[in-house]
PDB file of N, CA and C in Angstrom:
ATOM      1  N   MET A   1      88.573  35.874 242.740  1.00  0.00           N
ATOM      2  CA  MET A   1      87.406  36.591 244.288  1.00  0.00           C
ATOM      3  C   MET A   1      87.011  37.620 245.503  1.00  0.00           C
ATOM      4  N   MET A   2      88.306  37.659 245.062  1.00  0.00           N
ATOM      5  CA  MET A   2      88.533  39.068 246.235  1.00  0.00           C
ATOM      6  C   MET A   2      88.313  40.602 245.532  1.00  0.00           C
ATOM      7  N   GLU A   3      88.574  39.918 244.384  1.00  0.00           N
ATOM      8  CA  GLU A   3      89.560  41.574 243.561  1.00  0.00           C
ATOM      9  C   GLU A   3      87.332  41.335 243.066  1.00  0.00           C
ATOM     10  N   ALA A   4      87.066  41.044 242.689  1.00  0.00           N
ATOM     11  CA  ALA A   4      84.921  41.768 242.422  1.00  0.00           C
ATOM     12  C   ALA A   4      83.976  41.865 243.745  1.00  0.00           C
ATOM     13  N   THR A   5      84.677  41.024 244.806  1.00  0.00           N
ATOM     14  CA  THR A   5      83.779  41.358 245.306  1.00  0.00           C
ATOM     15  C   THR A   5      83.707  42.498 247.596  1.00  0.00           C
ATOM     16  N   VAL A   6      85.036  41.729 247.174  1.00  0.00           N
ATOM     17  CA  VAL A   6      85.949  43.566 248.373  1.00  0.00           C
ATOM     18  C   VAL A   6      87.233  44.831 247.617  1.00  0.00           C
ATOM     19  N   PRO A   7      86.567  45.674 247.705  1.00  0.00           N
ATOM     20  CA  PRO A   7      86.916  46.973 247.166  1.00  0.00           C
ATOM     21  C   PRO A   7      89.038  47.342 248.056  1.00  0.00           C
ATOM     22  N   ARG A   8      89.238  47.262 247.213  1.00  0.00           N
ATOM     23  CA  ARG A   8      91.177  47.396 246.927  1.00  0.00           C
ATOM     24  C   ARG A   8      91.682  47.776 248.657  1.00  0.00           C
ATOM     25  N   GLU A   9      90.644  49.281 248.634  1.00  0.00           N
ATOM     26  CA  GLU A   9      90.769  50.749 249.061  1.00  0.00           C
ATOM     27  C   GLU A   9      90.030  50.064 251.371  1.00  0.00           C
ATOM     28  N   ASN A  10      89.956  48.485 250.823  1.00  0.00           N
ATOM     29  CA  ASN A  10      88.956  47.815 252.334  1.00  0.00           C
ATOM     30  C   ASN A  10      90.122  47.343 253.050  1.00  0.00           C
ATOM     31  N   GLN A  11      90.203  48.026 254.183  1.00  0.00           N
ATOM     32  CA  GLN A  11      91.234  48.056 255.477  1.00  0.00           C
ATOM     33  C   GLN A  11      91.171  46.786 255.871  1.00  0.00           C
ATOM     34  N   GLU A  12      89.738  45.878 256.211  1.00  0.00           N
ATOM     35  CA  GLU A  12      89.891  44.361 256.230  1.00  0.00           C
ATOM     36  C   GLU A  12      90.915  43.307 255.284  1.00  0.00           C
ATOM     37  N   ARG A  13      90.044  43.436 254.084  1.00  0.00           N
ATOM     38  CA  ARG A  13      91.308  42.930 252.837  1.00  0.00           C
ATOM     39  C   ARG A  13      92.567  43.355 253.055  1.00  0.00           C
ATOM     40  N   VAL A  14      92.769  44.492 252.878  1.00  0.00           N
ATOM     41  CA  VAL A  14      95.072  44.689 253.259  1.00  0.00           C
ATOM     42  C   VAL A  14      95.340  43.855 254.450  1.00  0.00           C
ATOM     43  N   LEU A  15      94.494  42.965 255.848  1.00  0.00           N
ATOM     44  CA  LEU A  15      94.816  43.060 256.208  1.00  0.00           C
ATOM     45  C   LEU A  15      95.534  41.758 256.362  1.00  0.00           C
ATOM     46  N   PHE A  16      93.515  41.138 255.199  1.00  0.00           N
ATOM     47  CA  PHE A  16      94.136  39.751 255.315  1.00  0.00           C
ATOM     48  C   PHE A  16      94.935  39.981 254.310  1.00  0.00           C
ATOM     49  N   GLU A  17      96.103  40.438 253.361  1.00  0.00           N
ATOM     50  CA  GLU A  17      96.351  40.590 251.586  1.00  0.00           C
ATOM     51  C   GLU A  17      97.653  39.781 252.829  1.00  0.00           C
ATOM     52  N   LYS A  18      98.028  40.799 253.616  1.00  0.00           N
ATOM     53  CA  LYS A  18      99.319  41.663 252.947  1.00  0.00           C
ATOM     54  C   LYS A  18      99.879  39.989 254.281  1.00  0.00           C
ATOM     55  N   VAL A  19      98.717  39.151 255.524  1.00  0.00           N
ATOM     56  CA  VAL A  19      99.293  38.705 256.278  1.00  0.00           C
ATOM     57  C   VAL A  19      99.092  37.512 255.685  1.00  0.00           C
ATOM     58  N   ASN A  20      98.351  37.049 254.687  1.00  0.00           N
ATOM     59  CA  ASN A  20      97.638  35.435 253.850  1.00  0.00           C
ATOM     60  C   ASN A  20      99.382  35.841 252.666  1.00  0.00           C
ATOM     61  N   PHE A  21      99.440  37.109 251.952  1.00  0.00           N
ATOM     62  CA  PHE A  21     100.074  36.461 250.371  1.00  0.00           C
ATOM     63  C   PHE A  21     101.332  37.215 250.665  1.00  0.00           C
ATOM     64  N   GLY A  22     101.310  38.043 251.418  1.00  0.00           N
ATOM     65  CA  GLY A  22     102.673  38.835 251.681  1.00  0.00           C
ATOM     66  C   GLY A  22     103.824  37.903 251.278  1.00  0.00           C
ATOM     67  N   LYS A  23     104.066  37.501 252.562  1.00  0.00           N
ATOM     68  CA  LYS A  23     105.583  36.216 251.879  1.00  0.00           C
ATOM     69  C   LYS A  23     105.494  35.379 251.329  1.00  0.00           C
ATOM     70  N   GLU A  24     104.188  35.850 250.558  1.00  0.00           N
ATOM     71  CA  GLU A  24     104.312  34.488 249.345  1.00  0.00           C
ATOM     72  C   GLU A  24     104.632  35.723 247.998  1.00  0.00           C
ATOM     73  N   ILE A  25     104.262  36.750 248.304  1.00  0.00           N
ATOM     74  CA  ILE A  25     105.076  36.885 247.262  1.00  0.00           C
ATOM     75  C   ILE A  25     105.360  38.085 247.216  1.00  0.00           C
ATOM     76  N   MET A  26     106.459  38.146 247.948  1.00  0.00           N
ATOM     77  CA  MET A  26     108.402  38.892 248.089  1.00  0.00           C
ATOM     78  C   MET A  26     109.402  37.319 247.596  1.00  0.00           C
ATOM     79  N   ASN A  27     109.376  36.419 248.821  1.00  0.00           N
ATOM     80  CA  ASN A  27     109.364  34.854 247.748  1.00  0.00           C
ATOM     81  C   ASN A  27     108.873  35.423 246.324  1.00  0.00           C
ATOM     82  N   ILE A  28     108.003  35.748 245.066  1.00  0.00           N
ATOM     83  CA  ILE A  28     108.048  35.295 243.672  1.00  0.00           C
ATOM     84  C   ILE A  28     108.657  35.917 243.215  1.00  0.00           C
ATOM     85  N   VAL A  29     108.952  37.957 244.059  1.00  0.00           N
ATOM     86  CA  VAL A  29     109.270  38.522 243.041  1.00  0.00           C
ATOM     87  C   VAL A  29     110.312  38.643 242.903  1.00  0.00           C
ATOM     88  N   ALA A  30     111.411  39.073 244.511  1.00  0.00           N
ATOM     89  CA  ALA A  30     112.795  38.206 244.925  1.00  0.00           C
ATOM     90  C   ALA A  30     113.023  37.840 244.715  1.00  0.00           C
ATOM     91  N   CYS A  31     112.927  36.171 243.631  1.00  0.00           N
ATOM     92  CA  CYS A  31     113.046  35.251 242.824  1.00  0.00           C
ATOM     93  C   CYS A  31     112.926  35.463 241.002  1.00  0.00           C
ATOM     94  N   GLU A  32     112.263  35.641 241.055  1.00  0.00           N
ATOM     95  CA  GLU A  32     112.249  37.132 239.555  1.00  0.00           C
ATOM     96  C   GLU A  32     113.726  37.567 239.908  1.00  0.00           C
ATOM     97  N   GLY A  33     113.494  38.349 240.478  1.00  0.00           N
ATOM     98  CA  GLY A  33     114.263  39.963 240.402  1.00  0.00           C
ATOM     99  C   GLY A  33     116.261  39.140 240.482  1.00  0.00           C
ATOM    100  N   PHE A  34     116.165  37.691 241.323  1.00  0.00           N
ATOM    101  CA  PHE A  34     117.168  38.395 241.516  1.00  0.00           C
ATOM    102  C   PHE A  34     118.278  36.313 241.506  1.00  0.00           C
ATOM    103  N   ARG A  35     119.497  36.167 241.422  1.00  0.00           N
ATOM    104  CA  ARG A  35     119.788  35.294 241.261  1.00  0.00           C
ATOM    105  C   ARG A  35     120.679  35.239 242.973  1.00  0.00           C
ATOM    106  N   GLN A  36     120.598  33.755 243.124  1.00  0.00           N
ATOM    107  CA  GLN A  36     121.448  33.215 244.212  1.00  0.00           C
ATOM    108  C   GLN A  36     123.338  32.937 243.718  1.00  0.00           C
ATOM    109  N   LEU A  37     124.462  33.731 244.928  1.00  0.00           N
ATOM    110  CA  LEU A  37     125.304  33.407 243.836  1.00  0.00           C
ATOM    111  C   LEU A  37     125.880  31.959 244.717  1.00  0.00           C
ATOM    112  N   PRO A  38     127.219  31.923 244.163  1.00  0.00           N
ATOM    113  CA  PRO A  38     128.196  30.459 245.834  1.00  0.00           C
ATOM    114  C   PRO A  38     128.496  31.035 247.626  1.00  0.00           C
ATOM    115  N   LEU A  39     128.926  30.648 247.203  1.00  0.00           N
ATOM    116  CA  LEU A  39     128.918  30.907 249.129  1.00  0.00           C
ATOM    117  C   LEU A  39     130.415  31.561 248.947  1.00  0.00           C
ATOM    118  N   GLU A  40     131.300  32.263 249.472  1.00  0.00           N
ATOM    119  CA  GLU A  40     133.623  31.940 249.268  1.00  0.00           C
ATOM    120  C   GLU A  40     133.533  31.263 249.893  1.00  0.00           C
ATOM    121  N   GLN A  41     133.879  30.678 249.165  1.00  0.00           N
ATOM    122  CA  GLN A  41     134.745  29.409 251.028  1.00  0.00           C
ATOM    123  C   GLN A  41     135.833  30.129 251.563  1.00  0.00           C
ATOM    124  N   ASP A  42     135.838  30.882 251.055  1.00  0.00           N
ATOM    125  CA  ASP A  42     137.708  31.852 252.681  1.00  0.00           C
ATOM    126  C   ASP A  42     136.603  32.493 253.461  1.00  0.00           C
ATOM    127  N   ILE A  43     135.481  33.066 253.009  1.00  0.00           N
ATOM    128  CA  ILE A  43     134.738  33.071 254.519  1.00  0.00           C
ATOM    129  C   ILE A  43     133.458  32.153 254.751  1.00  0.00           C
ATOM    130  N   VAL A  44     133.412  31.140 254.441  1.00  0.00           N
ATOM    131  CA  VAL A  44     132.899  30.024 254.991  1.00  0.00           C
ATOM    132  C   VAL A  44     133.649  29.259 256.206  1.00  0.00           C
ATOM    133  N   LYS A  45     135.315  29.326 255.715  1.00  0.00           N
ATOM    134  CA  LYS A  45     136.118  28.094 256.104  1.00  0.00           C
ATOM    135  C   LYS A  45     136.440  29.262 258.161  1.00  0.00           C
ATOM    136  N   GLY A  46     136.482  30.415 257.346  1.00  0.00           N
ATOM    137  CA  GLY A  46     137.280  31.162 257.948  1.00  0.00           C
ATOM    138  C   GLY A  46     135.893  31.150 259.498  1.00  0.00           C
ATOM    139  N   VAL A  47     134.455  31.531 258.836  1.00  0.00           N
ATOM    140  CA  VAL A  47     133.723  30.787 260.244  1.00  0.00           C
ATOM    141  C   VAL A  47     133.420  29.642 261.050  1.00  0.00           C
ATOM    142  N   ARG A  48     133.844  28.421 260.004  1.00  0.00           N
ATOM    143  CA  ARG A  48     134.288  28.048 260.910  1.00  0.00           C
ATOM    144  C   ARG A  48     135.148  27.697 262.412  1.00  0.00           C
ATOM    145  N   ALA A  49     136.125  28.172 261.202  1.00  0.00           N
ATOM    146  CA  ALA A  49     137.455  28.462 262.133  1.00  0.00           C
ATOM    147  C   ALA A  49     136.621  28.428 263.744  1.00  0.00           C
ATOM    148  N   LYS A  50     136.704  30.256 263.495  1.00  0.00           N
ATOM    149  CA  LYS A  50     136.061  31.052 264.922  1.00  0.00           C
ATOM    150  C   LYS A  50     135.269  30.352 265.350  1.00  0.00           C
ATOM    151  N   VAL A  51     134.512  29.762 264.533  1.00  0.00           N
ATOM    152  CA  VAL A  51     133.654  28.969 265.671  1.00  0.00           C
ATOM    153  C   VAL A  51     134.100  28.003 266.536  1.00  0.00           C
ATOM    154  N   GLN A  52     134.745  26.942 265.661  1.00  0.00           N
ATOM    155  CA  GLN A  52     135.570  25.916 266.328  1.00  0.00           C
ATOM    156  C   GLN A  52     136.275  26.314 268.180  1.00  0.00           C
ATOM    157  N   ARG A  53     137.531  27.760 267.354  1.00  0.00           N
ATOM    158  CA  ARG A  53     137.554  27.781 268.117  1.00  0.00           C
ATOM    159  C   ARG A  53     137.583  28.924 269.049  1.00  0.00           C
ATOM    160  N   ARG A  54     135.703  29.417 269.428  1.00  0.00           N
ATOM    161  CA  ARG A  54     135.436  30.262 269.862  1.00  0.00           C
ATOM    162  C   ARG A  54     134.649  30.438 270.807  1.00  0.00           C
ATOM    163  N   TYR A  55     133.930  29.349 270.105  1.00  0.00           N
ATOM    164  CA  TYR A  55     132.680  29.283 270.820  1.00  0.00           C
ATOM    165  C   TYR A  55     131.926  27.561 270.676  1.00  0.00           C
ATOM    166  N   HIS A  56     131.160  27.404 272.547  1.00  0.00           N
ATOM    167  CA  HIS A  56     131.123  26.292 272.426  1.00  0.00           C
ATOM    168  C   HIS A  56     130.371  25.030 271.630  1.00  0.00           C
ATOM    169  N   LYS A  57     130.818  24.132 271.800  1.00  0.00           N
ATOM    170  CA  LYS A  57     131.322  22.890 271.048  1.00  0.00           C
ATOM    171  C   LYS A  57     129.834  21.926 270.032  1.00  0.00           C
ATOM    172  N   ASP A  58     129.002  23.102 270.767  1.00  0.00           N
ATOM    173  CA  ASP A  58     127.817  22.310 270.398  1.00  0.00           C
ATOM    174  C   ASP A  58     126.826  23.524 269.302  1.00  0.00           C
ATOM    175  N   PHE A  59     128.135  24.792 268.821  1.00  0.00           N
ATOM    176  CA  PHE A  59     126.983  25.744 267.939  1.00  0.00           C
ATOM    177  C   PHE A  59     128.134  25.101 266.460  1.00  0.00           C
ATOM    178  N   LEU A  60     127.433  24.587 264.840  1.00  0.00           N
ATOM    179  CA  LEU A  60     127.887  24.585 263.807  1.00  0.00           C
ATOM    180  C   LEU A  60     127.626  25.187 262.503  1.00  0.00           C
ATOM    181  N   VAL A  61     128.847  25.160 262.247  1.00  0.00           N
ATOM    182  CA  VAL A  61     128.286  25.808 261.317  1.00  0.00           C
ATOM    183  C   VAL A  61     128.837  24.654 259.922  1.00  0.00           C
ATOM    184  N   ASP A  62     127.562  24.867 258.749  1.00  0.00           N
ATOM    185  CA  ASP A  62     127.730  24.310 257.566  1.00  0.00           C
ATOM    186  C   ASP A  62     127.054  24.290 256.087  1.00  0.00           C
ATOM    187  N   GLU A  63     126.857  24.168 255.168  1.00  0.00           N
ATOM    188  CA  GLU A  63     126.946  24.204 253.760  1.00  0.00           C
ATOM    189  C   GLU A  63     125.529  23.392 252.955  1.00  0.00           C
ATOM    190  N   ASP A  64     124.959  23.482 253.129  1.00  0.00           N
ATOM    191  CA  ASP A  64     123.911  23.296 251.614  1.00  0.00           C
ATOM    192  C   ASP A  64     123.288  24.100 250.640  1.00  0.00           C
ATOM    193  N   GLY A  65     124.003  23.091 249.495  1.00  0.00           N
ATOM    194  CA  GLY A  65     123.893  24.325 248.732  1.00  0.00           C
ATOM    195  C   GLY A  65     125.205  25.307 248.221  1.00  0.00           C
ATOM    196  N   TYR A  66     124.876  26.526 247.956  1.00  0.00           N
ATOM    197  CA  TYR A  66     124.891  28.055 248.804  1.00  0.00           C
ATOM    198  C   TYR A  66     124.107  28.936 249.273  1.00  0.00           C
ATOM    199  N   TRP A  67     124.212  27.922 250.531  1.00  0.00           N
ATOM    200  CA  TRP A  67     123.116  28.321 252.330  1.00  0.00           C
ATOM    201  C   TRP A  67     124.035  28.189 252.785  1.00  0.00           C
ATOM    202  N   MET A  68     124.950  28.800 254.331  1.00  0.00           N
ATOM    203  CA  MET A  68     125.522  28.963 254.958  1.00  0.00           C
ATOM    204  C   MET A  68     124.778  28.374 256.351  1.00  0.00           C
ATOM    205  N   LEU A  69     124.597  27.626 256.795  1.00  0.00           N
ATOM    206  CA  LEU A  69     123.695  26.813 258.172  1.00  0.00           C
ATOM    207  C   LEU A  69     124.196  28.062 259.034  1.00  0.00           C
ATOM    208  N   GLN A  70     123.601  28.010 260.187  1.00  0.00           N
ATOM    209  CA  GLN A  70     124.136  28.389 261.776  1.00  0.00           C
ATOM    210  C   GLN A  70     123.432  27.428 262.172  1.00  0.00           C
ATOM    211  N   GLY A  71     124.179  26.473 263.766  1.00  0.00           N
ATOM    212  CA  GLY A  71     122.925  26.097 264.762  1.00  0.00           C
ATOM    213  C   GLY A  71     123.324  25.955 265.715  1.00  0.00           C
ATOM    214  N   TRP A  72     122.392  25.407 266.335  1.00  0.00           N
ATOM    215  CA  TRP A  72     122.641  25.330 268.013  1.00  0.00           C
ATOM    216  C   TRP A  72     122.362  23.379 268.388  1.00  0.00           C
ATOM    217  N   LYS A  73     123.265  21.898 268.661  1.00  0.00           N
ATOM    218  CA  LYS A  73     122.764  21.104 268.964  1.00  0.00           C
ATOM    219  C   LYS A  73     122.454  20.769 267.583  1.00  0.00           C
ATOM    220  N   GLY A  74     123.111  20.140 266.161  1.00  0.00           N
ATOM    221  CA  GLY A  74     122.534  19.447 265.623  1.00  0.00           C
ATOM    222  C   GLY A  74     121.035  20.937 264.279  1.00  0.00           C
ATOM    223  N   ARG A  75     120.510  21.410 265.287  1.00  0.00           N
ATOM    224  CA  ARG A  75     118.917  22.170 264.484  1.00  0.00           C
ATOM    225  C   ARG A  75     119.449  23.767 264.094  1.00  0.00           C
ATOM    226  N   VAL A  76     119.775  23.461 262.582  1.00  0.00           N
ATOM    227  CA  VAL A  76     119.542  25.349 262.320  1.00  0.00           C
ATOM    228  C   VAL A  76     119.128  25.945 262.395  1.00  0.00           C
ATOM    229  N   ILE A  77     119.791  27.118 262.846  1.00  0.00           N
ATOM    230  CA  ILE A  77     119.303  28.351 263.653  1.00  0.00           C
ATOM    231  C   ILE A  77     118.291  30.047 262.156  1.00  0.00           C
ATOM    232  N   TYR A  78     119.915  29.138 262.132  1.00  0.00           N
ATOM    233  CA  TYR A  78     120.161  30.645 260.628  1.00  0.00           C
ATOM    234  C   TYR A  78     120.832  29.976 259.508  1.00  0.00           C
ATOM    235  N   ALA A  79     119.535  31.188 258.514  1.00  0.00           N
ATOM    236  CA  ALA A  79     120.687  30.003 256.826  1.00  0.00           C
ATOM    237  C   ALA A  79     120.932  31.575 255.817  1.00  0.00           C
ATOM    238  N   LEU A  80     122.446  31.781 255.993  1.00  0.00           N
ATOM    239  CA  LEU A  80     122.366  33.016 255.133  1.00  0.00           C
ATOM    240  C   LEU A  80     123.107  32.786 253.366  1.00  0.00           C
ATOM    241  N   SER A  81     122.583  33.262 252.529  1.00  0.00           N
ATOM    242  CA  SER A  81     123.081  33.099 251.426  1.00  0.00           C
ATOM    243  C   SER A  81     123.802  34.704 250.371  1.00  0.00           C
ATOM    244  N   CYS A  82     123.858  35.157 249.641  1.00  0.00           N
ATOM    245  CA  CYS A  82     124.006  35.918 248.530  1.00  0.00           C
ATOM    246  C   CYS A  82     123.244  36.037 247.652  1.00  0.00           C
ATOM    247  N   TRP A  83     122.447  36.845 247.189  1.00  0.00           N
ATOM    248  CA  TRP A  83     122.324  37.840 246.634  1.00  0.00           C
ATOM    249  C   TRP A  83     122.347  38.891 245.256  1.00  0.00           C
ATOM    250  N   LYS A  84     121.690  39.126 244.046  1.00  0.00           N
ATOM    251  CA  LYS A  84     122.988  39.943 243.211  1.00  0.00           C
ATOM    252  C   LYS A  84     121.341  39.768 242.533  1.00  0.00           C
ATOM    253  N   PRO A  85     121.229  41.571 241.702  1.00  0.00           N
ATOM    254  CA  PRO A  85     119.903  41.170 241.042  1.00  0.00           C
ATOM    255  C   PRO A  85     120.471  41.051 239.808  1.00  0.00           C
ATOM    256  N   VAL A  86     119.332  40.106 239.415  1.00  0.00           N
ATOM    257  CA  VAL A  86     119.824  39.641 238.360  1.00  0.00           C
ATOM    258  C   VAL A  86     119.334  40.578 236.481  1.00  0.00           C
ATOM    259  N   ASP A  87     120.416  40.453 235.905  1.00  0.00           N
ATOM    260  CA  ASP A  87     120.577  41.682 234.995  1.00  0.00           C
ATOM    261  C   ASP A  87     119.489  41.176 234.080  1.00  0.00           C
ATOM    262  N   ASN A  88     118.812  42.213 233.421  1.00  0.00           N
ATOM    263  CA  ASN A  88     117.976  42.526 232.582  1.00  0.00           C
ATOM    264  C   ASN A  88     118.288  42.294 230.978  1.00  0.00           C
TER     265      ASN A  88
END
């Protein structure tokens, strides 16, 4: 619809597309061009041990699939993962 009715160089269209489609486009490009790697268990164990030794008891480090989750009082704040380009 926008392609047929609004020129590509229209600044309002550019802003609308950036705000409404930017993240979806980035996710599509990233998922097609990269693949997720498993977590290095030594790194996860080291982070978990450091958090238990040095941080408040309510900090958390957990895993979900290939994601390392970090949070506070049971709520996930950060999710970290490793990716590499897909070989063509």
